[in-house]
Amino acid sequence: MSKPDKAGDFFEYGVTTVAIATRGTPEVRVEDAALAAALSPEPGYRELFLSMRDRIAHGEQMPMPGLYRGKDGIYTIHFFAYPALAALTLTLPRRLCLLFVHRIVHPIVRMHACAVHHAIVLT
């Protein structure tokens, strides 16, 4: 498996994916840029997301090229279909597991299954 090519509009798609995965909206906030920095330890990208975070926090109209502040928040110029699909890979497995555990598994086993799931996700 090869590493993803983080070039071009990656930073816009990456931060939008984080926003959708954490809050279900393509609106980009300070915490999204901070989390994107934590998830992108490669040289250059961490700094780029931290710079984005700081510019958003300072209220810049255009925190980064392709990232604009509107009346109701900050959004990228790209449609968010790709980030929405990518966000599913971050949220769907956990949600399916929780649905299965809470609807099907006996209540006594429920606590054990959630603990195992969280241990797997956190490692």
N, C-alpha and C. Protein backbone atom coordinates (compact mmCIF):
# COMPACT_ATOMS: atom_id res chain seq x y z
N MET A 1 0.84 -1.16 0.00
CA MET A 1 0.00 0.00 0.00
C MET A 1 0.89 1.23 0.00
N SER A 2 0.56 2.22 -0.81
CA SER A 2 1.38 3.42 -0.88
C SER A 2 0.77 4.54 -0.04
N LYS A 3 1.61 5.49 0.31
CA LYS A 3 1.15 6.65 1.07
C LYS A 3 0.29 7.53 0.17
N PRO A 4 -0.71 8.21 0.76
CA PRO A 4 -1.52 9.12 -0.05
C PRO A 4 -0.69 10.31 -0.52
N ASP A 5 -1.01 10.82 -1.68
CA ASP A 5 -0.33 11.99 -2.23
C ASP A 5 -1.02 13.24 -1.69
N LYS A 6 -0.35 13.90 -0.76
CA LYS A 6 -0.92 15.10 -0.14
C LYS A 6 -0.43 16.33 -0.88
N ALA A 7 -1.03 16.57 -2.03
CA ALA A 7 -0.64 17.71 -2.85
C ALA A 7 -1.89 18.42 -3.33
N GLY A 8 -1.70 19.54 -3.99
CA GLY A 8 -2.83 20.26 -4.56
C GLY A 8 -3.78 20.77 -3.50
N ASP A 9 -5.03 20.36 -3.60
CA ASP A 9 -6.08 20.83 -2.69
C ASP A 9 -6.25 19.94 -1.46
N PHE A 10 -5.24 19.11 -1.18
CA PHE A 10 -5.36 18.17 -0.06
C PHE A 10 -5.77 18.87 1.23
N PHE A 11 -5.15 20.00 1.55
CA PHE A 11 -5.43 20.63 2.84
C PHE A 11 -6.90 21.03 2.96
N GLU A 12 -7.51 21.45 1.84
CA GLU A 12 -8.93 21.81 1.88
C GLU A 12 -9.80 20.58 2.10
N TYR A 13 -9.52 19.53 1.35
CA TYR A 13 -10.30 18.30 1.49
C TYR A 13 -10.06 17.66 2.86
N GLY A 14 -8.82 17.70 3.33
CA GLY A 14 -8.49 17.10 4.62
C GLY A 14 -9.21 17.76 5.78
N VAL A 15 -9.18 19.08 5.84
CA VAL A 15 -9.82 19.78 6.96
C VAL A 15 -11.34 19.68 6.87
N THR A 16 -11.88 19.63 5.65
CA THR A 16 -13.33 19.47 5.49
C THR A 16 -13.76 18.07 5.92
N THR A 17 -12.93 17.06 5.64
CA THR A 17 -13.22 15.69 6.09
C THR A 17 -13.28 15.64 7.61
N VAL A 18 -12.34 16.29 8.27
CA VAL A 18 -12.32 16.33 9.73
C VAL A 18 -13.59 17.01 10.25
N ALA A 19 -13.99 18.12 9.64
CA ALA A 19 -15.19 18.84 10.07
C ALA A 19 -16.44 17.96 9.95
N ILE A 20 -16.57 17.29 8.82
CA ILE A 20 -17.75 16.44 8.60
C ILE A 20 -17.73 15.24 9.55
N ALA A 21 -16.57 14.64 9.75
CA ALA A 21 -16.47 13.47 10.63
C ALA A 21 -16.76 13.81 12.09
N THR A 22 -16.38 15.01 12.53
CA THR A 22 -16.55 15.35 13.94
C THR A 22 -17.89 16.02 14.24
N ARG A 23 -18.41 16.81 13.29
CA ARG A 23 -19.65 17.54 13.57
C ARG A 23 -20.75 17.36 12.53
N GLY A 24 -20.44 16.70 11.42
CA GLY A 24 -21.46 16.49 10.39
C GLY A 24 -21.73 17.69 9.52
N THR A 25 -20.80 18.61 9.47
CA THR A 25 -20.97 19.82 8.65
C THR A 25 -19.64 20.15 7.96
N PRO A 26 -19.69 20.72 6.74
CA PRO A 26 -18.44 21.11 6.07
C PRO A 26 -17.89 22.46 6.55
N GLU A 27 -18.52 23.07 7.53
CA GLU A 27 -18.01 24.34 8.07
C GLU A 27 -16.71 24.07 8.81
N VAL A 28 -15.66 24.79 8.45
CA VAL A 28 -14.33 24.59 9.03
C VAL A 28 -14.15 25.50 10.23
N ARG A 29 -13.73 24.92 11.34
CA ARG A 29 -13.50 25.67 12.58
C ARG A 29 -12.07 25.48 13.05
N VAL A 30 -11.68 26.27 14.04
CA VAL A 30 -10.33 26.22 14.61
C VAL A 30 -9.97 24.80 15.02
N GLU A 31 -10.89 24.12 15.71
CA GLU A 31 -10.58 22.78 16.21
C GLU A 31 -10.39 21.76 15.08
N ASP A 32 -11.01 22.00 13.92
CA ASP A 32 -10.82 21.10 12.78
C ASP A 32 -9.39 21.20 12.26
N ALA A 33 -8.90 22.42 12.14
CA ALA A 33 -7.52 22.61 11.67
C ALA A 33 -6.52 22.03 12.68
N ALA A 34 -6.82 22.18 13.97
CA ALA A 34 -5.93 21.62 15.00
C ALA A 34 -5.91 20.10 14.93
N LEU A 35 -7.08 19.47 14.75
CA LEU A 35 -7.13 18.02 14.65
C LEU A 35 -6.47 17.53 13.36
N ALA A 36 -6.66 18.26 12.27
CA ALA A 36 -6.00 17.90 11.01
C ALA A 36 -4.49 17.96 11.17
N ALA A 37 -3.98 18.92 11.92
CA ALA A 37 -2.54 19.01 12.19
C ALA A 37 -2.07 17.78 12.97
N ALA A 38 -2.86 17.37 13.94
CA ALA A 38 -2.49 16.20 14.74
C ALA A 38 -2.51 14.91 13.91
N LEU A 39 -3.40 14.85 12.93
CA LEU A 39 -3.52 13.67 12.08
C LEU A 39 -2.54 13.66 10.91
N SER A 40 -1.85 14.78 10.67
CA SER A 40 -0.92 14.90 9.55
C SER A 40 0.47 15.26 10.05
N PRO A 41 1.20 14.29 10.58
CA PRO A 41 2.50 14.62 11.16
C PRO A 41 3.62 14.85 10.14
N GLU A 42 3.34 14.64 8.84
CA GLU A 42 4.39 14.81 7.84
C GLU A 42 4.91 16.24 7.83
N PRO A 43 6.22 16.40 7.57
CA PRO A 43 6.79 17.75 7.51
C PRO A 43 6.04 18.63 6.51
N GLY A 44 5.74 19.81 6.95
CA GLY A 44 5.06 20.77 6.08
C GLY A 44 3.55 20.80 6.28
N TYR A 45 2.92 19.65 6.40
CA TYR A 45 1.47 19.62 6.53
C TYR A 45 1.00 19.99 7.92
N ARG A 46 1.71 19.55 8.93
CA ARG A 46 1.35 19.93 10.29
C ARG A 46 1.40 21.45 10.43
N GLU A 47 2.48 22.04 9.93
CA GLU A 47 2.64 23.49 10.01
C GLU A 47 1.56 24.22 9.21
N LEU A 48 1.21 23.66 8.06
CA LEU A 48 0.17 24.28 7.23
C LEU A 48 -1.16 24.31 7.98
N PHE A 49 -1.54 23.19 8.61
CA PHE A 49 -2.80 23.15 9.34
C PHE A 49 -2.76 24.03 10.59
N LEU A 50 -1.59 24.12 11.24
CA LEU A 50 -1.47 25.00 12.40
C LEU A 50 -1.57 26.47 11.99
N SER A 51 -1.01 26.81 10.84
CA SER A 51 -1.14 28.16 10.31
C SER A 51 -2.60 28.46 9.99
N MET A 52 -3.29 27.47 9.40
CA MET A 52 -4.71 27.63 9.11
C MET A 52 -5.48 27.87 10.41
N ARG A 53 -5.18 27.08 11.42
CA ARG A 53 -5.85 27.23 12.72
C ARG A 53 -5.68 28.64 13.26
N ASP A 54 -4.46 29.14 13.21
CA ASP A 54 -4.19 30.48 13.75
C ASP A 54 -4.90 31.57 12.94
N ARG A 55 -4.92 31.42 11.63
CA ARG A 55 -5.57 32.42 10.78
C ARG A 55 -7.08 32.42 10.97
N ILE A 56 -7.65 31.25 11.17
CA ILE A 56 -9.09 31.17 11.45
C ILE A 56 -9.37 31.85 12.79
N ALA A 57 -8.55 31.55 13.79
CA ALA A 57 -8.72 32.12 15.13
C ALA A 57 -8.61 33.65 15.12
N HIS A 58 -7.76 34.18 14.25
CA HIS A 58 -7.60 35.63 14.16
C HIS A 58 -8.67 36.30 13.32
N GLY A 59 -9.60 35.53 12.76
CA GLY A 59 -10.73 36.10 12.04
C GLY A 59 -10.43 36.55 10.62
N GLU A 60 -9.38 36.00 10.00
CA GLU A 60 -9.07 36.41 8.63
C GLU A 60 -10.19 36.02 7.67
N GLN A 61 -10.46 36.89 6.71
CA GLN A 61 -11.50 36.64 5.71
C GLN A 61 -11.16 35.43 4.83
N MET A 62 -9.89 35.30 4.49
CA MET A 62 -9.42 34.17 3.68
C MET A 62 -8.24 33.54 4.43
N PRO A 63 -8.53 32.61 5.36
CA PRO A 63 -7.45 32.02 6.16
C PRO A 63 -6.39 31.30 5.33
N MET A 64 -6.78 30.73 4.22
CA MET A 64 -5.87 30.05 3.30
C MET A 64 -6.48 30.21 1.91
N PRO A 65 -5.67 30.10 0.85
CA PRO A 65 -6.28 30.13 -0.49
C PRO A 65 -7.29 28.98 -0.62
N GLY A 66 -8.48 29.31 -1.07
CA GLY A 66 -9.52 28.30 -1.24
C GLY A 66 -10.38 28.10 0.00
N LEU A 67 -10.12 28.85 1.04
CA LEU A 67 -10.85 28.76 2.30
C LEU A 67 -11.36 30.16 2.63
N TYR A 68 -12.69 30.33 2.62
CA TYR A 68 -13.26 31.67 2.76
C TYR A 68 -14.27 31.75 3.89
N ARG A 69 -14.28 32.90 4.54
CA ARG A 69 -15.24 33.17 5.61
C ARG A 69 -16.49 33.78 4.98
N GLY A 70 -17.64 33.15 5.23
CA GLY A 70 -18.91 33.67 4.76
C GLY A 70 -19.71 34.22 5.92
N LYS A 71 -20.98 34.48 5.68
CA LYS A 71 -21.84 35.01 6.74
C LYS A 71 -22.04 34.01 7.88
N ASP A 72 -22.04 32.74 7.56
CA ASP A 72 -22.35 31.73 8.57
C ASP A 72 -21.22 30.74 8.82
N GLY A 73 -19.99 31.11 8.53
CA GLY A 73 -18.87 30.23 8.82
C GLY A 73 -17.81 30.23 7.74
N ILE A 74 -16.84 29.34 7.88
CA ILE A 74 -15.73 29.23 6.94
C ILE A 74 -15.91 27.93 6.16
N TYR A 75 -15.80 28.05 4.83
CA TYR A 75 -15.98 26.91 3.95
C TYR A 75 -14.90 26.93 2.87
N THR A 76 -14.62 25.74 2.30
CA THR A 76 -13.69 25.68 1.17
C THR A 76 -14.47 25.92 -0.11
N ILE A 77 -13.74 26.21 -1.18
CA ILE A 77 -14.41 26.49 -2.45
C ILE A 77 -14.83 25.21 -3.16
N HIS A 78 -14.36 24.06 -2.69
CA HIS A 78 -14.69 22.78 -3.33
C HIS A 78 -15.95 22.18 -2.74
N PHE A 79 -16.71 21.48 -3.58
CA PHE A 79 -17.88 20.77 -3.11
C PHE A 79 -17.42 19.69 -2.13
N PHE A 80 -18.22 19.41 -1.12
CA PHE A 80 -17.79 18.54 -0.03
C PHE A 80 -18.16 17.07 -0.21
N ALA A 81 -18.45 16.62 -1.42
CA ALA A 81 -18.83 15.21 -1.63
C ALA A 81 -17.68 14.26 -1.29
N TYR A 82 -16.46 14.53 -1.76
CA TYR A 82 -15.32 13.66 -1.45
C TYR A 82 -15.04 13.62 0.06
N PRO A 83 -14.97 14.77 0.72
CA PRO A 83 -14.76 14.72 2.17
C PRO A 83 -15.89 13.98 2.91
N ALA A 84 -17.12 14.10 2.43
CA ALA A 84 -18.23 13.40 3.09
C ALA A 84 -18.04 11.89 2.97
N LEU A 85 -17.61 11.43 1.81
CA LEU A 85 -17.36 10.00 1.63
C LEU A 85 -16.20 9.54 2.51
N ALA A 86 -15.15 10.34 2.57
CA ALA A 86 -14.00 10.00 3.41
C ALA A 86 -14.39 9.99 4.88
N ALA A 87 -15.25 10.91 5.29
CA ALA A 87 -15.69 10.99 6.69
C ALA A 87 -16.44 9.73 7.10
N LEU A 88 -17.14 9.11 6.15
CA LEU A 88 -17.85 7.86 6.46
C LEU A 88 -16.89 6.78 6.95
N THR A 89 -15.70 6.73 6.37
CA THR A 89 -14.74 5.70 6.78
C THR A 89 -14.25 5.94 8.20
N LEU A 90 -14.36 7.17 8.69
CA LEU A 90 -13.94 7.47 10.05
C LEU A 90 -15.07 7.26 11.06
N THR A 91 -16.32 7.41 10.64
CA THR A 91 -17.43 7.37 11.58
C THR A 91 -18.32 6.15 11.46
N LEU A 92 -18.49 5.59 10.28
CA LEU A 92 -19.43 4.51 10.08
C LEU A 92 -19.10 3.24 10.86
N PRO A 93 -17.85 2.75 10.87
CA PRO A 93 -17.57 1.53 11.63
C PRO A 93 -17.95 1.65 13.11
N ARG A 94 -17.65 2.76 13.72
CA ARG A 94 -17.99 2.96 15.13
C ARG A 94 -19.50 2.99 15.32
N ARG A 95 -20.20 3.69 14.44
CA ARG A 95 -21.65 3.79 14.58
C ARG A 95 -22.33 2.45 14.37
N LEU A 96 -21.85 1.66 13.41
CA LEU A 96 -22.44 0.35 13.19
C LEU A 96 -22.21 -0.57 14.38
N CYS A 97 -21.02 -0.49 14.95
CA CYS A 97 -20.73 -1.30 16.13
C CYS A 97 -21.64 -0.90 17.28
N LEU A 98 -21.80 0.38 17.52
CA LEU A 98 -22.65 0.83 18.62
C LEU A 98 -24.11 0.44 18.39
N LEU A 99 -24.59 0.53 17.15
CA LEU A 99 -25.96 0.12 16.83
C LEU A 99 -26.14 -1.37 17.14
N PHE A 100 -25.20 -2.19 16.69
CA PHE A 100 -25.27 -3.62 16.94
C PHE A 100 -25.27 -3.91 18.44
N VAL A 101 -24.37 -3.28 19.14
CA VAL A 101 -24.23 -3.53 20.58
C VAL A 101 -25.48 -3.10 21.33
N HIS A 102 -26.00 -1.93 21.02
CA HIS A 102 -27.12 -1.40 21.79
C HIS A 102 -28.47 -1.99 21.40
N ARG A 103 -28.59 -2.53 20.22
CA ARG A 103 -29.88 -3.07 19.78
C ARG A 103 -29.98 -4.59 19.85
N ILE A 104 -28.87 -5.29 19.75
CA ILE A 104 -28.93 -6.74 19.60
C ILE A 104 -28.29 -7.48 20.78
N VAL A 105 -27.16 -7.01 21.22
CA VAL A 105 -26.42 -7.72 22.27
C VAL A 105 -27.12 -7.55 23.62
N HIS A 106 -27.14 -8.60 24.38
CA HIS A 106 -27.77 -8.60 25.71
C HIS A 106 -27.14 -7.50 26.57
N PRO A 107 -27.94 -6.83 27.40
CA PRO A 107 -27.41 -5.72 28.23
C PRO A 107 -26.20 -6.07 29.09
N ILE A 108 -26.10 -7.29 29.55
CA ILE A 108 -24.94 -7.66 30.38
C ILE A 108 -23.67 -7.68 29.55
N VAL A 109 -23.78 -8.12 28.31
CA VAL A 109 -22.62 -8.21 27.43
C VAL A 109 -22.29 -6.85 26.83
N ARG A 110 -23.24 -5.96 26.80
CA ARG A 110 -23.09 -4.64 26.16
C ARG A 110 -21.86 -3.89 26.67
N MET A 111 -21.69 -3.82 27.98
CA MET A 111 -20.56 -3.06 28.53
C MET A 111 -19.23 -3.66 28.08
N HIS A 112 -19.14 -4.97 28.08
CA HIS A 112 -17.90 -5.63 27.66
C HIS A 112 -17.61 -5.35 26.18
N ALA A 113 -18.62 -5.44 25.33
CA ALA A 113 -18.42 -5.23 23.89
C ALA A 113 -17.98 -3.80 23.60
N CYS A 114 -18.57 -2.82 24.26
CA CYS A 114 -18.16 -1.43 24.04
C CYS A 114 -16.73 -1.20 24.52
N ALA A 115 -16.37 -1.82 25.63
CA ALA A 115 -15.00 -1.67 26.14
C ALA A 115 -14.00 -2.26 25.16
N VAL A 116 -14.31 -3.42 24.60
CA VAL A 116 -13.44 -4.06 23.62
C VAL A 116 -13.34 -3.19 22.38
N HIS A 117 -14.47 -2.67 21.90
CA HIS A 117 -14.47 -1.81 20.71
C HIS A 117 -13.61 -0.57 20.94
N HIS A 118 -13.79 0.08 22.08
CA HIS A 118 -13.02 1.30 22.36
C HIS A 118 -11.53 0.99 22.51
N ALA A 119 -11.20 -0.15 23.08
CA ALA A 119 -9.79 -0.54 23.21
C ALA A 119 -9.18 -0.74 21.83
N ILE A 120 -9.95 -1.32 20.90
CA ILE A 120 -9.45 -1.54 19.55
C ILE A 120 -9.27 -0.22 18.84
N VAL A 121 -10.23 0.70 18.97
CA VAL A 121 -10.17 2.00 18.29
C VAL A 121 -9.03 2.83 18.83
N LEU A 122 -8.76 2.75 20.12
CA LEU A 122 -7.74 3.60 20.73
C LEU A 122 -6.32 3.07 20.54
N THR A 123 -6.17 1.82 20.07
CA THR A 123 -4.82 1.29 19.90
C THR A 123 -4.35 1.45 18.49
